[in-house]
Amino acid sequence: MKKPLIILLIFSMLSLSFEKDEANNSMIEFLMEYLAIKYSDKEFDTFLYVAVKKQKLYLVENNEVTATYSISTAKNGLGNEAGSFKTPQGLHRIAEKVGADVEPMGVIKQKVSTGKKAKAVKQAKTTGQDLITSRVLHLAGLEKGINQGGDVDSYSRGIFIHGTHEEGLIGTPASKGCIRMKNADVINLFQRIEVGTFVIILNN
């Protein structure tokens, strides 16, 4: 490959990276303003932002995106009611972390390891199963009447961020209400955040 072509490729990659960084900065700037107004009694030093339209989850630390993951939210869309099989909106926190010692692709049921291991499905198709694998982050809603209490309570609904065997569907709405991630990604995220971390779920 000739040097001018190499230089052009490097320049193009740097330009794309710069544009991505600028887009993230603008997004976070707007988001931080929104959070400061709506939740003025809380501090958002480290939090997770679930951008439903983008099917992305962002780890934000000190006003910067430090990690971006593709996800799958509910096939039925957004909604907070029990039995709706929808992903709840609004402010949550990580109430529990489950599965620290579970092997990758290990199946978790009712927040307990089954000792079984699933096989990742890389094709964009459903298997008819909703397996929870590798790690679980159990969410609790923080907004009464929206995602906390009664039949809209995210914690009692069992809304998780978790690994899935249906990795081929990541990037499209496919879950029954939870936020699915690729197994390597959810393990990485699990290691990076603590119980109590805020999670804001918005339709962009």
C-alpha atoms as a PDB file:
ATOM      1  CA  MET A   1       0.000   0.000   0.000  1.00  0.00           C
ATOM      2  CA  LYS A   2       1.357   3.391  -0.954  1.00  0.00           C
ATOM      3  CA  LYS A   3       2.132   5.991   1.681  1.00  0.00           C
ATOM      4  CA  PRO A   4      -0.409   8.614   0.441  1.00  0.00           C
ATOM      5  CA  LEU A   5      -3.200   6.014   0.701  1.00  0.00           C
ATOM      6  CA  ILE A   6      -2.103   5.018   4.206  1.00  0.00           C
ATOM      7  CA  ILE A   7      -2.055   8.663   5.260  1.00  0.00           C
ATOM      8  CA  LEU A   8      -5.532   9.175   3.758  1.00  0.00           C
ATOM      9  CA  LEU A   9      -6.904   6.156   5.640  1.00  0.00           C
ATOM     10  CA  ILE A  10      -5.388   7.349   8.919  1.00  0.00           C
ATOM     11  CA  PHE A  11      -6.803  10.836   8.374  1.00  0.00           C
ATOM     12  CA  SER A  12     -10.245   9.395   7.618  1.00  0.00           C
ATOM     13  CA  MET A  13     -10.162   7.266  10.792  1.00  0.00           C
ATOM     14  CA  LEU A  14      -9.107  10.234  12.894  1.00  0.00           C
ATOM     15  CA  SER A  15     -11.864  12.363  11.375  1.00  0.00           C
ATOM     16  CA  LEU A  16     -14.503   9.736  12.135  1.00  0.00           C
ATOM     17  CA  SER A  17     -13.195   9.398  15.696  1.00  0.00           C
ATOM     18  CA  PHE A  18     -13.285  13.172  16.149  1.00  0.00           C
ATOM     19  CA  GLU A  19     -16.849  13.367  14.807  1.00  0.00           C
ATOM     20  CA  LYS A  20     -17.915  10.561  17.147  1.00  0.00           C
ATOM     21  CA  ASP A  21     -16.314  12.294  20.128  1.00  0.00           C
ATOM     22  CA  GLU A  22     -17.994  15.576  19.203  1.00  0.00           C
ATOM     23  CA  ALA A  23     -21.377  13.844  18.905  1.00  0.00           C
ATOM     24  CA  ASN A  24     -20.907  12.165  22.281  1.00  0.00           C
ATOM     25  CA  ASN A  25     -19.863  15.442  23.879  1.00  0.00           C
ATOM     26  CA  SER A  26     -22.958  17.210  22.538  1.00  0.00           C
ATOM     27  CA  MET A  27     -25.192  14.367  23.688  1.00  0.00           C
ATOM     28  CA  ILE A  28     -23.734  14.330  27.191  1.00  0.00           C
ATOM     29  CA  GLU A  29     -23.822  18.109  27.487  1.00  0.00           C
ATOM     30  CA  PHE A  30     -27.548  18.093  26.690  1.00  0.00           C
ATOM     31  CA  LEU A  31     -28.160  15.088  28.954  1.00  0.00           C
ATOM     32  CA  MET A  32     -26.329  16.648  31.915  1.00  0.00           C
ATOM     33  CA  GLU A  33     -28.441  19.794  31.575  1.00  0.00           C
ATOM     34  CA  TYR A  34     -31.598  17.663  31.527  1.00  0.00           C
ATOM     35  CA  LEU A  35     -30.546  15.669  34.606  1.00  0.00           C
ATOM     36  CA  ALA A  36     -29.539  18.796  36.522  1.00  0.00           C
ATOM     37  CA  ILE A  37     -32.974  20.323  35.961  1.00  0.00           C
ATOM     38  CA  LYS A  38     -35.149  17.227  36.444  1.00  0.00           C
ATOM     39  CA  TYR A  39     -33.185  15.642  39.310  1.00  0.00           C
ATOM     40  CA  SER A  40     -31.626  18.667  40.952  1.00  0.00           C
ATOM     41  CA  ASP A  41     -31.253  16.882  44.299  1.00  0.00           C
ATOM     42  CA  LYS A  42     -28.908  14.225  42.864  1.00  0.00           C
ATOM     43  CA  GLU A  43     -25.309  14.177  41.650  1.00  0.00           C
ATOM     44  CA  PHE A  44     -24.432  12.346  38.458  1.00  0.00           C
ATOM     45  CA  ASP A  45     -20.694  11.748  38.629  1.00  0.00           C
ATOM     46  CA  THR A  46     -20.962   8.184  37.301  1.00  0.00           C
ATOM     47  CA  PHE A  47     -24.112   6.838  35.670  1.00  0.00           C
ATOM     48  CA  LEU A  48     -25.494   4.693  32.869  1.00  0.00           C
ATOM     49  CA  TYR A  49     -27.528   6.191  30.054  1.00  0.00           C
ATOM     50  CA  VAL A  50     -29.791   3.807  28.138  1.00  0.00           C
ATOM     51  CA  ALA A  51     -30.619   5.432  24.798  1.00  0.00           C
ATOM     52  CA  VAL A  52     -33.562   3.387  23.538  1.00  0.00           C
ATOM     53  CA  LYS A  53     -33.811   4.714  19.970  1.00  0.00           C
ATOM     54  CA  LYS A  54     -30.099   4.205  19.472  1.00  0.00           C
ATOM     55  CA  GLN A  55     -30.163   0.808  21.241  1.00  0.00           C
ATOM     56  CA  LYS A  56     -27.030   1.897  23.067  1.00  0.00           C
ATOM     57  CA  LEU A  57     -25.916   1.993  26.686  1.00  0.00           C
ATOM     58  CA  TYR A  58     -23.360   4.615  27.665  1.00  0.00           C
ATOM     59  CA  LEU A  59     -21.180   4.611  30.769  1.00  0.00           C
ATOM     60  CA  VAL A  60     -20.665   8.257  31.708  1.00  0.00           C
ATOM     61  CA  GLU A  61     -17.973   9.257  34.177  1.00  0.00           C
ATOM     62  CA  ASN A  62     -17.151  12.859  35.053  1.00  0.00           C
ATOM     63  CA  ASN A  63     -19.186  14.197  32.111  1.00  0.00           C
ATOM     64  CA  GLU A  64     -17.460  11.936  29.574  1.00  0.00           C
ATOM     65  CA  VAL A  65     -18.541   8.758  27.793  1.00  0.00           C
ATOM     66  CA  THR A  66     -16.002   6.146  28.871  1.00  0.00           C
ATOM     67  CA  ALA A  67     -17.701   3.101  27.342  1.00  0.00           C
ATOM     68  CA  THR A  68     -20.432   2.426  24.774  1.00  0.00           C
ATOM     69  CA  TYR A  69     -22.299  -0.849  24.404  1.00  0.00           C
ATOM     70  CA  SER A  70     -24.931  -2.099  21.965  1.00  0.00           C
ATOM     71  CA  ILE A  71     -28.049  -3.397  23.711  1.00  0.00           C
ATOM     72  CA  SER A  72     -31.557  -4.726  23.177  1.00  0.00           C
ATOM     73  CA  THR A  73     -34.505  -3.210  24.994  1.00  0.00           C
ATOM     74  CA  ALA A  74     -38.073  -4.541  24.878  1.00  0.00           C
ATOM     75  CA  LYS A  75     -39.637  -5.743  21.656  1.00  0.00           C
ATOM     76  CA  ASN A  76     -42.904  -4.189  22.907  1.00  0.00           C
ATOM     77  CA  GLY A  77     -41.319  -0.764  23.320  1.00  0.00           C
ATOM     78  CA  LEU A  78     -41.356   1.491  26.351  1.00  0.00           C
ATOM     79  CA  GLY A  79     -43.748   1.209  29.261  1.00  0.00           C
ATOM     80  CA  ASN A  80     -43.722   0.885  33.011  1.00  0.00           C
ATOM     81  CA  GLU A  81     -46.725  -1.310  33.772  1.00  0.00           C
ATOM     82  CA  ALA A  82     -46.324  -4.824  35.167  1.00  0.00           C
ATOM     83  CA  GLY A  83     -47.175  -7.469  32.586  1.00  0.00           C
ATOM     84  CA  SER A  84     -46.560  -5.129  29.655  1.00  0.00           C
ATOM     85  CA  PHE A  85     -43.219  -6.716  28.718  1.00  0.00           C
ATOM     86  CA  LYS A  86     -41.962  -3.201  28.068  1.00  0.00           C
ATOM     87  CA  THR A  87     -38.791  -1.415  29.162  1.00  0.00           C
ATOM     88  CA  PRO A  88     -39.459   1.236  31.829  1.00  0.00           C
ATOM     89  CA  GLN A  89     -38.390   4.833  31.371  1.00  0.00           C
ATOM     90  CA  GLY A  90     -36.969   7.219  33.921  1.00  0.00           C
ATOM     91  CA  LEU A  91     -34.375   7.245  36.667  1.00  0.00           C
ATOM     92  CA  HIS A  92     -33.237   3.996  38.277  1.00  0.00           C
ATOM     93  CA  ARG A  93     -30.333   2.763  40.323  1.00  0.00           C
ATOM     94  CA  ILE A  94     -28.432  -0.509  40.410  1.00  0.00           C
ATOM     95  CA  ALA A  95     -30.006  -2.258  43.403  1.00  0.00           C
ATOM     96  CA  GLU A  96     -28.093  -5.542  43.137  1.00  0.00           C
ATOM     97  CA  LYS A  97     -25.209  -7.096  41.242  1.00  0.00           C
ATOM     98  CA  VAL A  98     -25.525 -10.847  40.718  1.00  0.00           C
ATOM     99  CA  GLY A  99     -23.221 -13.418  39.151  1.00  0.00           C
ATOM    100  CA  ALA A 100     -19.685 -12.287  39.948  1.00  0.00           C
ATOM    101  CA  ASP A 101     -18.474 -15.897  39.934  1.00  0.00           C
ATOM    102  CA  VAL A 102     -20.637 -17.157  37.068  1.00  0.00           C
ATOM    103  CA  GLU A 103     -18.658 -18.286  34.014  1.00  0.00           C
ATOM    104  CA  PRO A 104     -19.311 -16.524  30.699  1.00  0.00           C
ATOM    105  CA  MET A 105     -22.570 -17.789  29.162  1.00  0.00           C
ATOM    106  CA  GLY A 106     -23.541 -19.374  32.482  1.00  0.00           C
ATOM    107  CA  VAL A 107     -27.330 -19.422  32.881  1.00  0.00           C
ATOM    108  CA  ILE A 108     -28.863 -17.488  35.790  1.00  0.00           C
ATOM    109  CA  LYS A 109     -32.423 -18.082  36.949  1.00  0.00           C
ATOM    110  CA  GLN A 110     -34.153 -16.102  39.701  1.00  0.00           C
ATOM    111  CA  LYS A 111     -30.773 -14.461  40.339  1.00  0.00           C
ATOM    112  CA  VAL A 112     -29.117 -17.828  41.102  1.00  0.00           C
ATOM    113  CA  SER A 113     -26.664 -19.700  38.880  1.00  0.00           C
ATOM    114  CA  THR A 114     -28.172 -22.891  37.464  1.00  0.00           C
ATOM    115  CA  GLY A 115     -24.761 -24.414  36.779  1.00  0.00           C
ATOM    116  CA  LYS A 116     -25.721 -24.725  33.120  1.00  0.00           C
ATOM    117  CA  LYS A 117     -24.082 -22.978  30.198  1.00  0.00           C
ATOM    118  CA  ALA A 118     -25.888 -21.570  27.154  1.00  0.00           C
ATOM    119  CA  LYS A 119     -24.617 -21.417  23.597  1.00  0.00           C
ATOM    120  CA  ALA A 120     -24.492 -17.999  21.990  1.00  0.00           C
ATOM    121  CA  VAL A 121     -26.731 -17.565  18.951  1.00  0.00           C
ATOM    122  CA  LYS A 122     -24.978 -15.165  16.598  1.00  0.00           C
ATOM    123  CA  GLN A 123     -27.721 -15.076  13.958  1.00  0.00           C
ATOM    124  CA  ALA A 124     -30.371 -12.369  14.190  1.00  0.00           C
ATOM    125  CA  LYS A 125     -33.162 -14.740  15.163  1.00  0.00           C
ATOM    126  CA  THR A 126     -35.138 -15.598  18.276  1.00  0.00           C
ATOM    127  CA  THR A 127     -34.926 -19.018  19.889  1.00  0.00           C
ATOM    128  CA  GLY A 128     -38.175 -18.668  21.788  1.00  0.00           C
ATOM    129  CA  GLN A 129     -36.222 -18.571  25.061  1.00  0.00           C
ATOM    130  CA  ASP A 130     -35.315 -15.604  27.220  1.00  0.00           C
ATOM    131  CA  LEU A 131     -32.199 -16.884  28.948  1.00  0.00           C
ATOM    132  CA  ILE A 132     -30.336 -14.667  31.401  1.00  0.00           C
ATOM    133  CA  THR A 133     -26.618 -15.286  31.191  1.00  0.00           C
ATOM    134  CA  SER A 134     -23.268 -14.269  32.701  1.00  0.00           C
ATOM    135  CA  ARG A 135     -24.239 -11.289  34.891  1.00  0.00           C
ATOM    136  CA  VAL A 136     -27.290  -9.495  36.294  1.00  0.00           C
ATOM    137  CA  LEU A 137     -27.722  -5.868  37.326  1.00  0.00           C
ATOM    138  CA  HIS A 138     -31.138  -5.564  39.013  1.00  0.00           C
ATOM    139  CA  LEU A 139     -32.708  -2.122  38.612  1.00  0.00           C
ATOM    140  CA  ALA A 140     -34.858  -0.253  41.129  1.00  0.00           C
ATOM    141  CA  GLY A 141     -36.959   2.704  40.040  1.00  0.00           C
ATOM    142  CA  LEU A 142     -36.531   6.020  41.846  1.00  0.00           C
ATOM    143  CA  GLU A 143     -39.639   7.871  40.649  1.00  0.00           C
ATOM    144  CA  LYS A 144     -42.827   7.163  42.590  1.00  0.00           C
ATOM    145  CA  GLY A 145     -45.791   6.427  40.370  1.00  0.00           C
ATOM    146  CA  ILE A 146     -43.566   6.179  37.305  1.00  0.00           C
ATOM    147  CA  ASN A 147     -41.187   3.300  37.960  1.00  0.00           C
ATOM    148  CA  GLN A 148     -41.480   2.865  41.737  1.00  0.00           C
ATOM    149  CA  GLY A 149     -44.392   1.390  43.686  1.00  0.00           C
ATOM    150  CA  GLY A 150     -47.621  -0.355  42.745  1.00  0.00           C
ATOM    151  CA  ASP A 151     -47.862  -1.997  39.334  1.00  0.00           C
ATOM    152  CA  VAL A 152     -45.129   0.168  37.838  1.00  0.00           C
ATOM    153  CA  ASP A 153     -42.329  -0.893  40.187  1.00  0.00           C
ATOM    154  CA  SER A 154     -39.246  -1.779  38.133  1.00  0.00           C
ATOM    155  CA  TYR A 155     -37.647  -3.823  40.901  1.00  0.00           C
ATOM    156  CA  SER A 156     -40.658  -6.059  41.501  1.00  0.00           C
ATOM    157  CA  ARG A 157     -41.112  -6.382  37.723  1.00  0.00           C
ATOM    158  CA  GLY A 158     -37.622  -7.905  37.589  1.00  0.00           C
ATOM    159  CA  ILE A 159     -36.078  -5.389  35.241  1.00  0.00           C
ATOM    160  CA  PHE A 160     -32.448  -6.362  34.719  1.00  0.00           C
ATOM    161  CA  ILE A 161     -29.448  -5.426  32.667  1.00  0.00           C
ATOM    162  CA  HIS A 162     -28.163  -8.881  31.757  1.00  0.00           C
ATOM    163  CA  GLY A 163     -26.359 -11.081  29.293  1.00  0.00           C
ATOM    164  CA  THR A 164     -28.283 -13.032  26.673  1.00  0.00           C
ATOM    165  CA  HIS A 165     -27.644 -16.082  24.519  1.00  0.00           C
ATOM    166  CA  GLU A 166     -29.413 -14.302  21.617  1.00  0.00           C
ATOM    167  CA  GLU A 167     -26.434 -12.106  20.830  1.00  0.00           C
ATOM    168  CA  GLY A 168     -27.400 -11.818  17.167  1.00  0.00           C
ATOM    169  CA  LEU A 169     -30.405  -9.704  18.156  1.00  0.00           C
ATOM    170  CA  ILE A 170     -28.343  -7.153  20.070  1.00  0.00           C
ATOM    171  CA  GLY A 171     -28.860  -3.725  18.518  1.00  0.00           C
ATOM    172  CA  THR A 172     -32.582  -4.268  17.945  1.00  0.00           C
ATOM    173  CA  PRO A 173     -35.511  -4.276  20.398  1.00  0.00           C
ATOM    174  CA  ALA A 174     -35.940  -7.946  21.324  1.00  0.00           C
ATOM    175  CA  SER A 175     -36.337  -8.424  25.087  1.00  0.00           C
ATOM    176  CA  LYS A 176     -39.367  -8.871  27.320  1.00  0.00           C
ATOM    177  CA  GLY A 177     -38.614  -5.676  29.219  1.00  0.00           C
ATOM    178  CA  CYS A 178     -35.034  -6.066  30.385  1.00  0.00           C
ATOM    179  CA  ILE A 179     -31.930  -4.549  28.837  1.00  0.00           C
ATOM    180  CA  ARG A 180     -29.936  -7.273  27.138  1.00  0.00           C
ATOM    181  CA  MET A 181     -26.210  -7.116  26.451  1.00  0.00           C
ATOM    182  CA  LYS A 182     -23.582  -9.285  24.835  1.00  0.00           C
ATOM    183  CA  ASN A 183     -21.950 -11.487  27.433  1.00  0.00           C
ATOM    184  CA  ALA A 184     -18.447 -10.029  27.170  1.00  0.00           C
ATOM    185  CA  ASP A 185     -19.961  -6.536  27.421  1.00  0.00           C
ATOM    186  CA  VAL A 186     -22.096  -7.186  30.496  1.00  0.00           C
ATOM    187  CA  ILE A 187     -19.123  -8.799  32.255  1.00  0.00           C
ATOM    188  CA  ASN A 188     -17.034  -5.721  31.443  1.00  0.00           C
ATOM    189  CA  LEU A 189     -19.750  -3.349  32.633  1.00  0.00           C
ATOM    190  CA  PHE A 190     -20.331  -5.391  35.802  1.00  0.00           C
ATOM    191  CA  GLN A 191     -16.694  -4.888  36.760  1.00  0.00           C
ATOM    192  CA  ARG A 192     -16.796  -1.150  36.174  1.00  0.00           C
ATOM    193  CA  ILE A 193     -19.816  -0.022  38.192  1.00  0.00           C
ATOM    194  CA  GLU A 194     -21.059  -0.333  41.752  1.00  0.00           C
ATOM    195  CA  VAL A 195     -24.377  -0.960  43.469  1.00  0.00           C
ATOM    196  CA  GLY A 196     -26.143   2.389  43.723  1.00  0.00           C
ATOM    197  CA  THR A 197     -25.042   3.651  40.300  1.00  0.00           C
ATOM    198  CA  PHE A 198     -27.787   5.697  38.629  1.00  0.00           C
ATOM    199  CA  VAL A 199     -29.341   4.432  35.391  1.00  0.00           C
ATOM    200  CA  ILE A 200     -31.372   6.804  33.249  1.00  0.00           C
ATOM    201  CA  ILE A 201     -33.551   5.227  30.555  1.00  0.00           C
ATOM    202  CA  LEU A 202     -34.833   7.616  27.906  1.00  0.00           C
ATOM    203  CA  ASN A 203     -36.321   7.412  24.449  1.00  0.00           C
ATOM    204  CA  ASN A 204     -33.457   9.673  23.290  1.00  0.00           C
END
